[in-house]
C-alpha atoms as a PDB file:
ATOM      1  CA  MET A   1       0.000   0.000   0.000  1.00  0.00           C
ATOM      2  CA  ILE A   2       1.238   3.441  -0.898  1.00  0.00           C
ATOM      3  CA  ASN A   3       1.002   5.897   2.012  1.00  0.00           C
ATOM      4  CA  THR A   4       0.974   9.600   1.192  1.00  0.00           C
ATOM      5  CA  ASN A   5      -0.480  12.899   2.304  1.00  0.00           C
ATOM      6  CA  ILE A   6      -2.983  14.926   0.322  1.00  0.00           C
ATOM      7  CA  THR A   7      -0.404  17.466  -0.886  1.00  0.00           C
ATOM      8  CA  ASN A   8       1.878  14.779  -2.319  1.00  0.00           C
ATOM      9  CA  PHE A   9      -1.135  13.001  -3.822  1.00  0.00           C
ATOM     10  CA  ARG A  10      -2.202  16.186  -5.639  1.00  0.00           C
ATOM     11  CA  LYS A  11       1.306  16.639  -7.053  1.00  0.00           C
ATOM     12  CA  ASN A  12       1.512  13.034  -8.293  1.00  0.00           C
ATOM     13  CA  LEU A  13      -2.141  12.304  -9.003  1.00  0.00           C
ATOM     14  CA  PHE A  14      -1.765  10.806 -12.468  1.00  0.00           C
ATOM     15  CA  SER A  15       1.247   8.590 -11.721  1.00  0.00           C
ATOM     16  CA  MET A  16      -0.221   7.329  -8.436  1.00  0.00           C
ATOM     17  CA  LEU A  17      -3.560   6.474 -10.024  1.00  0.00           C
ATOM     18  CA  GLU A  18      -1.771   4.793 -12.917  1.00  0.00           C
ATOM     19  CA  GLN A  19       0.184   2.623 -10.451  1.00  0.00           C
ATOM     20  CA  THR A  20      -3.037   1.714  -8.644  1.00  0.00           C
ATOM     21  CA  ILE A  21      -4.707   0.711 -11.903  1.00  0.00           C
ATOM     22  CA  LYS A  22      -1.753  -1.192 -13.406  1.00  0.00           C
ATOM     23  CA  TYR A  23      -0.513  -2.970 -10.285  1.00  0.00           C
ATOM     24  CA  ASN A  24      -3.595  -2.976  -8.003  1.00  0.00           C
ATOM     25  CA  GLU A  25      -1.586  -1.005  -5.443  1.00  0.00           C
ATOM     26  CA  PRO A  26      -3.954   0.754  -2.996  1.00  0.00           C
ATOM     27  CA  ILE A  27      -3.214   4.334  -1.973  1.00  0.00           C
ATOM     28  CA  ASN A  28      -3.746   5.511   1.612  1.00  0.00           C
ATOM     29  CA  ILE A  29      -4.114   9.306   1.637  1.00  0.00           C
ATOM     30  CA  SER A  30      -3.879  11.091   4.966  1.00  0.00           C
ATOM     31  CA  THR A  31      -5.531  14.465   5.515  1.00  0.00           C
ATOM     32  CA  LYS A  32      -6.272  16.659   8.518  1.00  0.00           C
ATOM     33  CA  GLU A  33      -9.818  15.289   8.583  1.00  0.00           C
ATOM     34  CA  GLY A  34      -8.830  11.612   8.366  1.00  0.00           C
ATOM     35  CA  ASN A  35      -7.665   9.076   5.809  1.00  0.00           C
ATOM     36  CA  ALA A  36      -9.038   7.801   2.506  1.00  0.00           C
ATOM     37  CA  VAL A  37      -8.080   4.717   0.510  1.00  0.00           C
ATOM     38  CA  ILE A  38      -8.134   4.513  -3.275  1.00  0.00           C
ATOM     39  CA  ILE A  39      -8.261   1.079  -4.917  1.00  0.00           C
ATOM     40  CA  SER A  40      -8.470  -0.051  -8.526  1.00  0.00           C
ATOM     41  CA  GLU A  41     -11.814  -0.827 -10.125  1.00  0.00           C
ATOM     42  CA  ASP A  42     -10.773  -4.500 -10.408  1.00  0.00           C
ATOM     43  CA  ASP A  43     -10.098  -4.668  -6.662  1.00  0.00           C
ATOM     44  CA  TYR A  44     -13.379  -2.878  -5.916  1.00  0.00           C
ATOM     45  CA  ASN A  45     -15.342  -5.304  -8.094  1.00  0.00           C
ATOM     46  CA  GLY A  46     -13.617  -8.242  -6.388  1.00  0.00           C
ATOM     47  CA  LEU A  47     -14.543  -6.895  -2.953  1.00  0.00           C
ATOM     48  CA  MET A  48     -18.169  -6.395  -4.005  1.00  0.00           C
ATOM     49  CA  GLU A  49     -18.350  -9.944  -5.388  1.00  0.00           C
ATOM     50  CA  THR A  50     -16.858 -11.346  -2.185  1.00  0.00           C
ATOM     51  CA  LEU A  51     -19.365  -9.424  -0.069  1.00  0.00           C
ATOM     52  CA  TYR A  52     -22.227 -10.632  -2.245  1.00  0.00           C
ATOM     53  CA  LEU A  53     -21.127 -14.269  -1.987  1.00  0.00           C
ATOM     54  CA  CYS A  54     -20.719 -13.981   1.788  1.00  0.00           C
ATOM     55  CA  LEU A  55     -24.324 -12.753   2.074  1.00  0.00           C
ATOM     56  CA  ILE A  56     -25.715 -15.939   0.510  1.00  0.00           C
ATOM     57  CA  PRO A  57     -26.671 -18.327   3.346  1.00  0.00           C
ATOM     58  CA  ASN A  58     -24.111 -21.147   3.778  1.00  0.00           C
ATOM     59  CA  MET A  59     -22.076 -20.005   0.741  1.00  0.00           C
ATOM     60  CA  ARG A  60     -18.922 -19.376   2.767  1.00  0.00           C
ATOM     61  CA  GLU A  61     -19.098 -22.867   4.258  1.00  0.00           C
ATOM     62  CA  ARG A  62     -19.690 -24.430   0.825  1.00  0.00           C
ATOM     63  CA  ILE A  63     -16.715 -22.577  -0.632  1.00  0.00           C
ATOM     64  CA  MET A  64     -14.492 -23.641   2.272  1.00  0.00           C
ATOM     65  CA  GLU A  65     -15.663 -27.241   1.871  1.00  0.00           C
ATOM     66  CA  GLY A  66     -14.996 -27.080  -1.863  1.00  0.00           C
ATOM     67  CA  LEU A  67     -11.444 -25.878  -1.241  1.00  0.00           C
ATOM     68  CA  LYS A  68     -10.775 -29.038   0.770  1.00  0.00           C
ATOM     69  CA  THR A  69     -12.054 -31.328  -1.996  1.00  0.00           C
ATOM     70  CA  PRO A  70      -9.303 -32.869  -4.165  1.00  0.00           C
ATOM     71  CA  ILE A  71      -9.613 -31.717  -7.768  1.00  0.00           C
ATOM     72  CA  ASP A  72      -9.968 -35.254  -9.117  1.00  0.00           C
ATOM     73  CA  GLU A  73     -13.154 -35.606  -7.044  1.00  0.00           C
ATOM     74  CA  CYS A  74     -14.732 -32.380  -8.328  1.00  0.00           C
ATOM     75  CA  VAL A  75     -15.926 -33.435 -11.794  1.00  0.00           C
ATOM     76  CA  PRO A  76     -16.135 -37.068 -12.885  1.00  0.00           C
ATOM     77  CA  GLU A  77     -14.288 -37.501 -16.196  1.00  0.00           C
ATOM     78  CA  ASN A  78     -17.194 -38.588 -18.389  1.00  0.00           C
ATOM     79  CA  GLU A  79     -19.863 -36.349 -16.876  1.00  0.00           C
ATOM     80  CA  VAL A  80     -19.152 -33.178 -18.905  1.00  0.00           C
ATOM     81  CA  GLN A  81     -20.288 -33.407 -22.536  1.00  0.00           C
ATOM     82  CA  TRP A  82     -19.289 -30.599 -24.905  1.00  0.00           C
END
């Protein structure tokens, strides 16, 4: 995470935003009133998707259970027909 103050952020706005977009590097901007964090759109969309999935009853448990399942047990070989 890049940590900067508002003055430095204003001076380097384009390059800092470009780094956030290209490398998904969040920016923490400190001001007199408090801090703000800027993240890339990709990271934002990922967070929103994660929140959505966590709101579905039992989804978190099903995902955790699925992570423990060996890949060869996930889809029987002859079950998928293209």
